[in-house]
């Protein structure tokens, strides 16, 4: 549905309409004058369909539950499983040729 929206302040029938307010459209003559002067514009009020966000996991999946204790030194040990090779973008290892059996 289209609405007539004020671009500039308008005084109509003892009521002030600020920019962004919806204007009455029962007086066709004034509607044409407002649009011709650039004082008002037609705006479509139907909202476009919103797409749902598709999320991917970006962190490592959970591994061991609990706190990680440093084994030695100042560096802290990490808890969790690393992402799969495919997820990390690692190059696949070259396949070795199949060996023939002597039987």
C-alpha atoms as a PDB file:
ATOM      1  CA  UNK A   1       0.000   0.000   0.000  1.00  0.00           C
ATOM      2  CA  UNK A   2       1.314   3.452  -0.856  1.00  0.00           C
ATOM      3  CA  UNK A   3       1.356   6.342   1.598  1.00  0.00           C
ATOM      4  CA  UNK A   4       1.824  10.051   0.989  1.00  0.00           C
ATOM      5  CA  UNK A   5       4.783  11.131   3.145  1.00  0.00           C
ATOM      6  CA  UNK A   6       5.734  14.751   3.941  1.00  0.00           C
ATOM      7  CA  UNK A   7       9.249  15.833   2.925  1.00  0.00           C
ATOM      8  CA  UNK A   8       8.938  19.364   4.383  1.00  0.00           C
ATOM      9  CA  UNK A   9       6.738  20.682   7.246  1.00  0.00           C
ATOM     10  CA  UNK A  10       3.124  21.173   6.061  1.00  0.00           C
ATOM     11  CA  UNK A  11       0.215  22.931   7.794  1.00  0.00           C
ATOM     12  CA  UNK A  12      -3.040  21.350   6.582  1.00  0.00           C
ATOM     13  CA  UNK A  13      -6.485  21.677   8.219  1.00  0.00           C
ATOM     14  CA  UNK A  14      -5.010  23.241  11.400  1.00  0.00           C
ATOM     15  CA  UNK A  15      -2.580  20.358  11.891  1.00  0.00           C
ATOM     16  CA  UNK A  16       1.204  20.401  11.452  1.00  0.00           C
ATOM     17  CA  UNK A  17       2.770  17.486   9.564  1.00  0.00           C
ATOM     18  CA  UNK A  18       6.515  17.082  10.083  1.00  0.00           C
ATOM     19  CA  UNK A  19       8.875  15.429   7.547  1.00  0.00           C
ATOM     20  CA  UNK A  20       8.269  11.669   7.602  1.00  0.00           C
ATOM     21  CA  UNK A  21       4.631  11.934   8.738  1.00  0.00           C
ATOM     22  CA  UNK A  22       1.818  10.450   6.661  1.00  0.00           C
ATOM     23  CA  UNK A  23      -0.396  13.053   4.956  1.00  0.00           C
ATOM     24  CA  UNK A  24      -4.150  12.737   4.346  1.00  0.00           C
ATOM     25  CA  UNK A  25      -5.081  12.013   0.714  1.00  0.00           C
ATOM     26  CA  UNK A  26      -8.784  12.982   0.668  1.00  0.00           C
ATOM     27  CA  UNK A  27      -8.047  16.292  -1.163  1.00  0.00           C
ATOM     28  CA  UNK A  28      -6.791  15.217  -4.621  1.00  0.00           C
ATOM     29  CA  UNK A  29      -5.995  18.802  -5.685  1.00  0.00           C
ATOM     30  CA  UNK A  30      -3.608  19.406  -2.787  1.00  0.00           C
ATOM     31  CA  UNK A  31      -2.038  15.965  -3.208  1.00  0.00           C
ATOM     32  CA  UNK A  32      -1.064  16.865  -6.798  1.00  0.00           C
ATOM     33  CA  UNK A  33       0.284  20.273  -5.666  1.00  0.00           C
ATOM     34  CA  UNK A  34       2.360  18.709  -2.857  1.00  0.00           C
ATOM     35  CA  UNK A  35       3.865  16.131  -5.210  1.00  0.00           C
ATOM     36  CA  UNK A  36       4.463  18.759  -7.937  1.00  0.00           C
ATOM     37  CA  UNK A  37       6.302  21.067  -5.501  1.00  0.00           C
ATOM     38  CA  UNK A  38       8.375  18.223  -4.041  1.00  0.00           C
ATOM     39  CA  UNK A  39       6.821  18.796  -0.610  1.00  0.00           C
ATOM     40  CA  UNK A  40       5.519  15.208  -0.415  1.00  0.00           C
ATOM     41  CA  UNK A  41       6.334  11.855  -2.014  1.00  0.00           C
ATOM     42  CA  UNK A  42       4.566   8.532  -2.450  1.00  0.00           C
ATOM     43  CA  UNK A  43       6.222   5.740  -0.474  1.00  0.00           C
ATOM     44  CA  UNK A  44       5.501   2.014  -0.686  1.00  0.00           C
ATOM     45  CA  UNK A  45       4.913   0.631   2.815  1.00  0.00           C
ATOM     46  CA  UNK A  46       5.160  -3.080   1.977  1.00  0.00           C
ATOM     47  CA  UNK A  47       8.281  -4.556   3.505  1.00  0.00           C
ATOM     48  CA  UNK A  48      10.378  -6.832   1.300  1.00  0.00           C
ATOM     49  CA  UNK A  49      10.792 -10.427   2.419  1.00  0.00           C
ATOM     50  CA  UNK A  50      13.653 -10.764   4.858  1.00  0.00           C
ATOM     51  CA  UNK A  51      16.114 -13.573   4.356  1.00  0.00           C
ATOM     52  CA  UNK A  52      17.058 -15.633   7.341  1.00  0.00           C
ATOM     53  CA  UNK A  53      20.740 -15.643   8.187  1.00  0.00           C
ATOM     54  CA  UNK A  54      22.577 -18.877   7.581  1.00  0.00           C
ATOM     55  CA  UNK A  55      25.345 -19.319  10.113  1.00  0.00           C
ATOM     56  CA  UNK A  56      28.316 -21.634   9.962  1.00  0.00           C
ATOM     57  CA  UNK A  57      30.389 -22.723  12.910  1.00  0.00           C
ATOM     58  CA  UNK A  58      33.697 -20.862  12.849  1.00  0.00           C
ATOM     59  CA  UNK A  59      35.306 -22.167  16.025  1.00  0.00           C
ATOM     60  CA  UNK A  60      36.630 -25.582  16.889  1.00  0.00           C
ATOM     61  CA  UNK A  61      33.986 -28.037  18.109  1.00  0.00           C
ATOM     62  CA  UNK A  62      33.988 -28.747  21.830  1.00  0.00           C
ATOM     63  CA  UNK A  63      36.529 -31.297  22.982  1.00  0.00           C
ATOM     64  CA  UNK A  64      37.271 -32.146  26.583  1.00  0.00           C
ATOM     65  CA  UNK A  65      35.000 -30.578  29.198  1.00  0.00           C
ATOM     66  CA  UNK A  66      36.628 -28.597  31.994  1.00  0.00           C
ATOM     67  CA  UNK A  67      39.575 -26.264  32.431  1.00  0.00           C
ATOM     68  CA  UNK A  68      42.923 -26.623  30.705  1.00  0.00           C
ATOM     69  CA  UNK A  69      45.971 -26.630  32.942  1.00  0.00           C
ATOM     70  CA  UNK A  70      49.342 -25.590  31.534  1.00  0.00           C
ATOM     71  CA  UNK A  71      51.688 -28.544  31.294  1.00  0.00           C
ATOM     72  CA  UNK A  72      54.954 -26.624  31.388  1.00  0.00           C
ATOM     73  CA  UNK A  73      56.057 -23.049  30.875  1.00  0.00           C
ATOM     74  CA  UNK A  74      54.093 -19.847  30.501  1.00  0.00           C
ATOM     75  CA  UNK A  75      52.023 -20.942  27.482  1.00  0.00           C
ATOM     76  CA  UNK A  76      48.524 -22.196  28.155  1.00  0.00           C
ATOM     77  CA  UNK A  77      47.299 -25.517  26.783  1.00  0.00           C
ATOM     78  CA  UNK A  78      44.185 -25.411  24.623  1.00  0.00           C
ATOM     79  CA  UNK A  79      41.197 -27.675  25.061  1.00  0.00           C
ATOM     80  CA  UNK A  80      39.117 -28.702  22.053  1.00  0.00           C
ATOM     81  CA  UNK A  81      39.372 -30.508  18.755  1.00  0.00           C
ATOM     82  CA  UNK A  82      40.860 -28.730  15.745  1.00  0.00           C
ATOM     83  CA  UNK A  83      38.556 -28.224  12.748  1.00  0.00           C
ATOM     84  CA  UNK A  84      38.610 -30.888  10.049  1.00  0.00           C
ATOM     85  CA  UNK A  85      41.156 -30.650   7.235  1.00  0.00           C
ATOM     86  CA  UNK A  86      38.421 -29.769   4.758  1.00  0.00           C
ATOM     87  CA  UNK A  87      37.152 -26.914   6.955  1.00  0.00           C
ATOM     88  CA  UNK A  88      40.680 -25.544   7.477  1.00  0.00           C
ATOM     89  CA  UNK A  89      41.311 -25.616   3.730  1.00  0.00           C
ATOM     90  CA  UNK A  90      44.318 -27.921   4.080  1.00  0.00           C
ATOM     91  CA  UNK A  91      45.645 -29.561   0.927  1.00  0.00           C
ATOM     92  CA  UNK A  92      44.840 -33.279   0.728  1.00  0.00           C
ATOM     93  CA  UNK A  93      47.790 -35.609   1.000  1.00  0.00           C
ATOM     94  CA  UNK A  94      48.767 -37.308  -2.266  1.00  0.00           C
ATOM     95  CA  UNK A  95      47.420 -40.828  -2.481  1.00  0.00           C
ATOM     96  CA  UNK A  96      49.914 -43.634  -2.539  1.00  0.00           C
ATOM     97  CA  UNK A  97      49.599 -46.240  -5.247  1.00  0.00           C
ATOM     98  CA  UNK A  98      47.925 -49.489  -4.296  1.00  0.00           C
ATOM     99  CA  UNK A  99      50.422 -52.260  -3.689  1.00  0.00           C
ATOM    100  CA  UNK A 100      49.858 -55.580  -5.310  1.00  0.00           C
ATOM    101  CA  UNK A 101      49.751 -58.595  -3.066  1.00  0.00           C
ATOM    102  CA  UNK A 102      52.054 -61.518  -3.791  1.00  0.00           C
ATOM    103  CA  UNK A 103      49.354 -64.133  -3.248  1.00  0.00           C
END
